[in-house]
N, C-alpha and C. Protein backbone atom coordinates (compact mmCIF):
# COMPACT_ATOMS: atom_id res chain seq x y z
N UNK A 1 49.48 46.25 83.59
CA UNK A 1 49.14 46.19 82.18
C UNK A 1 48.25 47.39 81.85
N UNK A 2 48.60 48.10 80.82
CA UNK A 2 47.80 49.26 80.43
C UNK A 2 46.44 48.80 79.92
N UNK A 3 45.49 49.72 79.94
CA UNK A 3 44.15 49.34 79.47
C UNK A 3 44.18 49.00 77.98
N UNK A 4 45.00 49.69 77.20
CA UNK A 4 45.09 49.37 75.77
C UNK A 4 45.62 47.95 75.57
N UNK A 5 46.69 47.61 76.29
CA UNK A 5 47.28 46.29 76.18
C UNK A 5 46.31 45.21 76.66
N UNK A 6 45.63 45.48 77.77
CA UNK A 6 44.64 44.53 78.29
C UNK A 6 43.52 44.34 77.26
N UNK A 7 43.06 45.43 76.68
CA UNK A 7 42.01 45.36 75.67
C UNK A 7 42.47 44.54 74.45
N UNK A 8 43.70 44.76 74.00
CA UNK A 8 44.24 43.99 72.88
C UNK A 8 44.30 42.50 73.21
N UNK A 9 44.71 42.20 74.44
CA UNK A 9 44.76 40.80 74.86
C UNK A 9 43.37 40.18 74.86
N UNK A 10 42.41 40.83 75.48
CA UNK A 10 41.06 40.27 75.62
C UNK A 10 40.28 40.20 74.31
N UNK A 11 40.48 41.19 73.43
CA UNK A 11 39.66 41.25 72.22
C UNK A 11 40.34 40.69 70.97
N UNK A 12 41.67 40.58 70.98
CA UNK A 12 42.35 40.12 69.78
C UNK A 12 43.20 38.88 70.06
N UNK A 13 44.20 39.01 70.88
CA UNK A 13 45.17 37.93 71.07
C UNK A 13 44.56 36.68 71.72
N UNK A 14 43.87 36.85 72.83
CA UNK A 14 43.31 35.71 73.55
C UNK A 14 42.32 34.91 72.70
N UNK A 15 41.34 35.57 72.04
CA UNK A 15 40.43 34.79 71.20
C UNK A 15 41.14 34.09 70.04
N UNK A 16 42.19 34.71 69.50
CA UNK A 16 42.92 34.08 68.41
C UNK A 16 43.64 32.83 68.90
N UNK A 17 44.27 32.91 70.06
CA UNK A 17 45.01 31.78 70.62
C UNK A 17 44.07 30.67 71.07
N UNK A 18 42.95 31.04 71.66
CA UNK A 18 42.02 30.06 72.22
C UNK A 18 40.83 29.80 71.30
N UNK A 19 41.03 29.87 69.99
CA UNK A 19 39.93 29.67 69.04
C UNK A 19 39.25 28.32 69.29
N UNK A 20 37.95 28.33 69.41
CA UNK A 20 37.26 27.05 69.57
C UNK A 20 37.23 26.30 68.24
N UNK A 21 37.22 24.98 68.31
CA UNK A 21 37.12 24.16 67.12
C UNK A 21 35.69 24.16 66.61
N UNK A 22 35.52 24.29 65.31
CA UNK A 22 34.23 24.08 64.69
C UNK A 22 34.08 22.59 64.45
N UNK A 23 32.87 22.14 64.21
CA UNK A 23 32.59 20.71 64.08
C UNK A 23 32.20 20.38 62.65
N UNK A 24 32.77 19.29 62.13
CA UNK A 24 32.34 18.72 60.86
C UNK A 24 32.17 17.22 61.03
N UNK A 25 31.48 16.62 60.06
CA UNK A 25 31.28 15.17 60.05
C UNK A 25 31.85 14.63 58.74
N UNK A 26 32.61 13.54 58.83
CA UNK A 26 33.32 12.99 57.68
C UNK A 26 32.93 11.54 57.45
N UNK A 27 32.98 11.14 56.18
CA UNK A 27 32.65 9.77 55.79
C UNK A 27 33.92 9.06 55.33
N UNK A 28 34.27 7.98 56.00
CA UNK A 28 35.36 7.12 55.56
C UNK A 28 34.71 6.01 54.74
N UNK A 29 34.77 6.15 53.42
CA UNK A 29 34.06 5.27 52.50
C UNK A 29 34.97 4.10 52.13
N UNK A 30 34.46 2.88 52.34
CA UNK A 30 35.27 1.68 52.18
C UNK A 30 34.51 0.66 51.33
N UNK A 31 35.28 -0.06 50.49
CA UNK A 31 34.72 -1.18 49.73
C UNK A 31 35.69 -2.35 49.79
N UNK A 32 35.18 -3.53 49.47
CA UNK A 32 36.02 -4.70 49.35
C UNK A 32 36.60 -4.73 47.94
N UNK A 33 37.92 -4.58 47.85
CA UNK A 33 38.60 -4.63 46.56
C UNK A 33 39.18 -6.01 46.31
N UNK A 34 39.85 -6.17 45.20
CA UNK A 34 40.43 -7.48 44.85
C UNK A 34 41.53 -7.90 45.82
N UNK A 35 42.23 -6.92 46.41
CA UNK A 35 43.33 -7.23 47.33
C UNK A 35 43.03 -6.79 48.75
N UNK A 36 41.76 -6.73 49.13
CA UNK A 36 41.38 -6.30 50.47
C UNK A 36 40.62 -4.98 50.43
N UNK A 37 40.43 -4.40 51.60
CA UNK A 37 39.65 -3.16 51.69
C UNK A 37 40.34 -2.02 50.95
N UNK A 38 39.50 -1.16 50.36
CA UNK A 38 39.99 0.04 49.70
C UNK A 38 39.23 1.24 50.25
N UNK A 39 39.91 2.39 50.27
CA UNK A 39 39.37 3.64 50.80
C UNK A 39 39.15 4.61 49.64
N UNK A 40 38.02 5.29 49.65
CA UNK A 40 37.73 6.28 48.62
C UNK A 40 38.25 7.65 49.07
N UNK A 41 39.13 8.23 48.27
CA UNK A 41 39.57 9.60 48.50
C UNK A 41 39.04 10.46 47.36
N UNK A 42 38.79 11.72 47.69
CA UNK A 42 38.34 12.69 46.69
C UNK A 42 39.27 13.89 46.76
N UNK A 43 39.27 14.69 45.72
CA UNK A 43 40.10 15.89 45.74
C UNK A 43 39.30 17.04 46.33
N UNK A 44 39.99 17.90 47.05
CA UNK A 44 39.34 19.11 47.57
C UNK A 44 39.09 20.05 46.40
N UNK A 45 38.10 20.92 46.56
CA UNK A 45 37.77 21.83 45.46
C UNK A 45 38.79 22.94 45.30
N UNK A 46 39.41 23.36 46.40
CA UNK A 46 40.31 24.50 46.31
C UNK A 46 41.74 24.13 45.91
N UNK A 47 42.35 23.17 46.59
CA UNK A 47 43.76 22.87 46.34
C UNK A 47 43.98 21.58 45.54
N UNK A 48 42.96 20.74 45.44
CA UNK A 48 43.11 19.47 44.73
C UNK A 48 43.81 18.40 45.53
N UNK A 49 44.02 18.64 46.84
CA UNK A 49 44.67 17.61 47.66
C UNK A 49 43.66 16.50 47.97
N UNK A 50 44.16 15.33 48.36
CA UNK A 50 43.30 14.19 48.66
C UNK A 50 42.70 14.32 50.05
N UNK A 51 41.39 14.13 50.15
CA UNK A 51 40.63 14.24 51.40
C UNK A 51 39.54 13.17 51.40
N UNK A 52 38.80 13.10 52.50
CA UNK A 52 37.59 12.28 52.54
C UNK A 52 36.39 13.23 52.58
N UNK A 53 35.23 12.77 52.14
CA UNK A 53 34.04 13.65 52.16
C UNK A 53 33.73 14.11 53.59
N UNK A 54 33.43 15.39 53.71
CA UNK A 54 33.10 15.93 55.04
C UNK A 54 32.34 17.23 54.87
N UNK A 55 31.64 17.63 55.94
CA UNK A 55 30.90 18.88 55.88
C UNK A 55 30.36 19.27 57.24
N UNK A 56 29.66 20.39 57.24
CA UNK A 56 29.12 20.98 58.46
C UNK A 56 27.88 20.22 58.94
N UNK A 57 27.51 20.39 60.21
CA UNK A 57 26.26 19.79 60.71
C UNK A 57 25.06 20.24 59.88
N UNK A 58 24.05 19.38 59.83
CA UNK A 58 22.84 19.65 59.06
C UNK A 58 21.62 19.52 59.95
N UNK A 59 20.71 20.46 59.82
CA UNK A 59 19.46 20.39 60.58
C UNK A 59 18.74 19.08 60.29
N UNK A 60 18.29 18.41 61.35
CA UNK A 60 17.51 17.19 61.20
C UNK A 60 18.33 15.94 60.96
N UNK A 61 19.67 16.05 60.91
CA UNK A 61 20.52 14.88 60.68
C UNK A 61 21.53 14.76 61.82
N UNK A 62 21.77 13.51 62.26
CA UNK A 62 22.84 13.32 63.23
C UNK A 62 24.17 13.27 62.48
N UNK A 63 25.26 13.06 63.21
CA UNK A 63 26.58 13.09 62.59
C UNK A 63 26.76 12.07 61.49
N UNK A 64 26.31 10.84 61.72
CA UNK A 64 26.45 9.78 60.72
C UNK A 64 25.65 10.12 59.47
N UNK A 65 24.45 10.62 59.64
CA UNK A 65 23.60 10.97 58.50
C UNK A 65 24.19 12.14 57.71
N UNK A 66 24.75 13.11 58.41
CA UNK A 66 25.39 14.25 57.74
C UNK A 66 26.62 13.78 56.95
N UNK A 67 27.40 12.87 57.53
CA UNK A 67 28.57 12.33 56.83
C UNK A 67 28.14 11.60 55.56
N UNK A 68 27.07 10.83 55.65
CA UNK A 68 26.56 10.10 54.49
C UNK A 68 26.07 11.07 53.41
N UNK A 69 25.40 12.13 53.81
CA UNK A 69 24.94 13.14 52.86
C UNK A 69 26.11 13.76 52.12
N UNK A 70 27.18 14.06 52.85
CA UNK A 70 28.38 14.63 52.23
C UNK A 70 29.02 13.62 51.27
N UNK A 71 29.04 12.34 51.64
CA UNK A 71 29.59 11.31 50.77
C UNK A 71 28.81 11.25 49.45
N UNK A 72 27.50 11.43 49.52
CA UNK A 72 26.69 11.46 48.30
C UNK A 72 27.02 12.70 47.47
N UNK A 73 26.96 13.88 48.10
CA UNK A 73 27.14 15.13 47.36
C UNK A 73 28.53 15.26 46.76
N UNK A 74 29.56 14.85 47.49
CA UNK A 74 30.94 15.07 47.07
C UNK A 74 31.52 13.92 46.25
N UNK A 75 30.97 12.70 46.41
CA UNK A 75 31.59 11.54 45.76
C UNK A 75 30.59 10.59 45.09
N UNK A 76 29.29 10.83 45.22
CA UNK A 76 28.31 9.94 44.59
C UNK A 76 28.20 8.58 45.24
N UNK A 77 28.45 8.51 46.54
CA UNK A 77 28.44 7.23 47.26
C UNK A 77 27.01 6.76 47.50
N UNK A 78 26.77 5.51 47.10
CA UNK A 78 25.52 4.81 47.45
C UNK A 78 25.92 3.77 48.49
N UNK A 79 25.38 3.88 49.70
CA UNK A 79 25.87 3.03 50.79
C UNK A 79 25.30 1.62 50.78
N UNK A 80 26.14 0.71 51.23
CA UNK A 80 25.70 -0.64 51.58
C UNK A 80 25.31 -0.63 53.05
N UNK A 81 26.15 0.05 53.86
CA UNK A 81 25.89 0.15 55.30
C UNK A 81 26.55 1.41 55.85
N UNK A 82 25.80 2.12 56.69
CA UNK A 82 26.32 3.26 57.43
C UNK A 82 26.50 2.83 58.87
N UNK A 83 27.71 2.98 59.38
CA UNK A 83 27.98 2.64 60.79
C UNK A 83 27.65 3.87 61.62
N UNK A 84 26.79 3.71 62.61
CA UNK A 84 26.28 4.85 63.39
C UNK A 84 27.26 5.34 64.45
N UNK A 85 28.22 4.52 64.85
CA UNK A 85 29.21 4.94 65.85
C UNK A 85 30.44 5.48 65.13
N UNK A 86 30.97 6.60 65.62
CA UNK A 86 32.16 7.16 64.98
C UNK A 86 33.36 6.25 65.20
N UNK A 87 34.29 6.31 64.27
CA UNK A 87 35.51 5.50 64.39
C UNK A 87 36.70 6.35 64.82
N UNK A 88 36.45 7.64 65.02
CA UNK A 88 37.52 8.53 65.46
C UNK A 88 37.27 9.95 64.98
N UNK A 89 38.30 10.74 65.05
CA UNK A 89 38.21 12.13 64.62
C UNK A 89 39.60 12.61 64.20
N UNK A 90 39.60 13.74 63.53
CA UNK A 90 40.87 14.39 63.19
C UNK A 90 40.64 15.89 63.15
N UNK A 91 41.73 16.64 63.31
CA UNK A 91 41.67 18.09 63.33
C UNK A 91 42.42 18.65 62.14
N UNK A 92 41.95 19.78 61.66
CA UNK A 92 42.64 20.47 60.58
C UNK A 92 42.19 21.93 60.57
N UNK A 93 42.88 22.76 59.82
CA UNK A 93 42.50 24.16 59.67
C UNK A 93 41.77 24.33 58.35
N UNK A 94 40.52 24.77 58.41
CA UNK A 94 39.67 24.97 57.24
C UNK A 94 39.86 26.38 56.72
N UNK A 95 40.22 26.50 55.45
CA UNK A 95 40.35 27.82 54.83
C UNK A 95 38.99 28.26 54.37
N UNK A 96 38.57 29.44 54.81
CA UNK A 96 37.27 29.99 54.45
C UNK A 96 37.37 30.83 53.18
N UNK A 97 36.23 31.20 52.63
CA UNK A 97 36.20 31.97 51.38
C UNK A 97 36.94 33.30 51.49
N UNK A 98 36.98 33.89 52.69
CA UNK A 98 37.66 35.18 52.85
C UNK A 98 39.17 35.03 53.06
N UNK A 99 39.67 33.79 53.01
CA UNK A 99 41.10 33.55 53.17
C UNK A 99 41.53 33.24 54.58
N UNK A 100 40.66 33.47 55.55
CA UNK A 100 40.99 33.16 56.94
C UNK A 100 40.84 31.65 57.17
N UNK A 101 41.35 31.18 58.30
CA UNK A 101 41.21 29.76 58.64
C UNK A 101 40.56 29.62 60.01
N UNK A 102 39.87 28.51 60.18
CA UNK A 102 39.29 28.17 61.47
C UNK A 102 39.67 26.73 61.79
N UNK A 103 39.94 26.44 63.06
CA UNK A 103 40.24 25.06 63.43
C UNK A 103 38.96 24.23 63.41
N UNK A 104 39.07 23.04 62.86
CA UNK A 104 37.92 22.14 62.73
C UNK A 104 38.28 20.78 63.29
N UNK A 105 37.32 20.19 63.98
CA UNK A 105 37.44 18.81 64.44
C UNK A 105 36.39 18.00 63.69
N UNK A 106 36.84 17.08 62.86
CA UNK A 106 35.94 16.26 62.05
C UNK A 106 35.77 14.89 62.70
N UNK A 107 34.53 14.54 63.00
CA UNK A 107 34.21 13.22 63.52
C UNK A 107 33.96 12.31 62.33
N UNK A 108 34.58 11.13 62.34
CA UNK A 108 34.59 10.24 61.18
C UNK A 108 33.66 9.04 61.40
N UNK A 109 32.85 8.76 60.37
CA UNK A 109 31.94 7.61 60.37
C UNK A 109 32.28 6.72 59.19
N UNK A 110 32.27 5.42 59.41
CA UNK A 110 32.54 4.46 58.34
C UNK A 110 31.28 4.26 57.51
N UNK A 111 31.48 4.27 56.19
CA UNK A 111 30.41 3.97 55.24
C UNK A 111 30.90 2.84 54.34
N UNK A 112 30.23 1.69 54.40
CA UNK A 112 30.52 0.62 53.46
C UNK A 112 29.78 0.94 52.17
N UNK A 113 30.51 0.96 51.06
CA UNK A 113 29.98 1.45 49.79
C UNK A 113 29.45 0.29 48.95
N UNK A 114 28.21 0.44 48.48
CA UNK A 114 27.62 -0.52 47.55
C UNK A 114 28.07 -0.20 46.13
N UNK A 115 28.00 1.10 45.75
CA UNK A 115 28.40 1.53 44.41
C UNK A 115 28.59 3.04 44.40
N UNK A 116 29.20 3.52 43.32
CA UNK A 116 29.37 4.95 43.10
C UNK A 116 28.50 5.37 41.92
N UNK A 117 27.75 6.44 42.09
CA UNK A 117 26.93 6.97 41.02
C UNK A 117 27.81 7.73 40.03
N UNK A 118 27.39 7.72 38.76
CA UNK A 118 28.10 8.50 37.74
C UNK A 118 27.72 9.97 37.78
N UNK A 119 26.52 10.25 38.27
CA UNK A 119 26.03 11.63 38.32
C UNK A 119 25.69 11.97 39.78
N UNK A 120 26.33 13.01 40.31
CA UNK A 120 26.10 13.45 41.69
C UNK A 120 26.39 14.94 41.75
N UNK A 121 25.97 15.63 42.81
CA UNK A 121 26.03 17.10 42.82
C UNK A 121 27.39 17.72 42.49
N UNK A 122 28.50 17.17 42.96
CA UNK A 122 29.81 17.80 42.75
C UNK A 122 30.68 17.05 41.75
N UNK A 123 30.04 16.34 40.82
CA UNK A 123 30.77 15.52 39.85
C UNK A 123 31.79 16.32 39.05
N UNK A 124 31.48 17.56 38.72
CA UNK A 124 32.39 18.38 37.91
C UNK A 124 33.41 19.14 38.73
N UNK A 125 33.37 18.99 40.06
CA UNK A 125 34.25 19.76 40.94
C UNK A 125 35.34 18.94 41.61
N UNK A 126 35.23 17.60 41.53
CA UNK A 126 36.15 16.74 42.27
C UNK A 126 36.53 15.52 41.44
N UNK A 127 37.68 14.95 41.79
CA UNK A 127 38.07 13.63 41.30
C UNK A 127 37.92 12.66 42.46
N UNK A 128 37.76 11.41 42.16
CA UNK A 128 37.65 10.39 43.21
C UNK A 128 38.43 9.15 42.76
N UNK A 129 39.00 8.46 43.74
CA UNK A 129 39.81 7.29 43.42
C UNK A 129 39.89 6.38 44.64
N UNK A 130 39.92 5.06 44.39
CA UNK A 130 40.06 4.06 45.45
C UNK A 130 41.54 3.78 45.69
N UNK A 131 41.91 3.65 46.97
CA UNK A 131 43.28 3.36 47.36
C UNK A 131 43.30 2.31 48.47
N UNK A 132 44.37 1.51 48.52
CA UNK A 132 44.56 0.69 49.73
C UNK A 132 44.74 1.63 50.92
N UNK A 133 44.31 1.22 52.11
CA UNK A 133 44.39 2.12 53.28
C UNK A 133 45.78 2.71 53.53
N UNK A 134 46.82 1.91 53.39
CA UNK A 134 48.18 2.41 53.67
C UNK A 134 48.57 3.50 52.67
N UNK A 135 48.20 3.34 51.40
CA UNK A 135 48.50 4.36 50.40
C UNK A 135 47.67 5.61 50.66
N UNK A 136 46.39 5.44 51.02
CA UNK A 136 45.54 6.58 51.35
C UNK A 136 46.13 7.36 52.52
N UNK A 137 46.67 6.64 53.51
CA UNK A 137 47.28 7.29 54.68
C UNK A 137 48.46 8.15 54.28
N UNK A 138 49.19 7.75 53.24
CA UNK A 138 50.34 8.53 52.76
C UNK A 138 49.89 9.78 51.99
N UNK A 139 48.71 9.72 51.38
CA UNK A 139 48.26 10.79 50.49
C UNK A 139 47.57 11.95 51.19
N UNK A 140 46.94 11.69 52.34
CA UNK A 140 46.24 12.77 53.04
C UNK A 140 47.22 13.61 53.84
N UNK A 141 46.90 14.88 54.04
CA UNK A 141 47.79 15.81 54.75
C UNK A 141 47.62 15.78 56.26
N UNK A 142 46.46 15.37 56.75
CA UNK A 142 46.15 15.47 58.17
C UNK A 142 46.71 14.26 58.93
N UNK A 143 47.63 14.47 59.87
CA UNK A 143 48.26 13.34 60.58
C UNK A 143 47.26 12.44 61.31
N UNK A 144 46.24 13.02 61.94
CA UNK A 144 45.28 12.19 62.66
C UNK A 144 44.43 11.36 61.71
N UNK A 145 44.09 11.89 60.55
CA UNK A 145 43.37 11.12 59.55
C UNK A 145 44.26 10.01 59.01
N UNK A 146 45.51 10.33 58.76
CA UNK A 146 46.47 9.32 58.31
C UNK A 146 46.55 8.17 59.31
N UNK A 147 46.58 8.49 60.59
CA UNK A 147 46.64 7.45 61.63
C UNK A 147 45.39 6.58 61.60
N UNK A 148 44.22 7.18 61.41
CA UNK A 148 42.97 6.39 61.29
C UNK A 148 43.04 5.43 60.12
N UNK A 149 43.55 5.90 58.99
CA UNK A 149 43.65 5.05 57.80
C UNK A 149 44.64 3.92 58.00
N UNK A 150 45.71 4.17 58.71
CA UNK A 150 46.71 3.13 58.95
C UNK A 150 46.18 2.02 59.84
N UNK A 151 45.13 2.31 60.61
CA UNK A 151 44.56 1.30 61.52
C UNK A 151 43.63 0.33 60.81
N UNK A 152 43.27 0.62 59.55
CA UNK A 152 42.37 -0.27 58.82
C UNK A 152 43.06 -1.56 58.43
């Protein structure tokens, strides 16, 4: 292998192929509806697709606390109960502001919802709606998240 080819492999191709996953924490927000449990989905800010609240790690907060903070900021969730143990994870490619993507592994925490606030930080940037778990599973794009929703 020539030094140029070796250099291209080590500095460009190999890191691209072996990209490490970044970590996010997600909140699976659930309430008791008239016909059983319902899942809260919100729209993403960029494409408007249905997602669950999620975000990057936060200083001074563990994964469950970070997920709850994101549920507040993105959906106005006031919790009845935060479950401290994760219920699973899912992977997806996060599009960054520069147009590039990074692989992300989101660890999911269940949040039982007491109520939704009318005023919250991202109220003008997102829509939110309650769905039965099976319908929510059909609406999200991420197969692993869909599988988690189908297990409810």
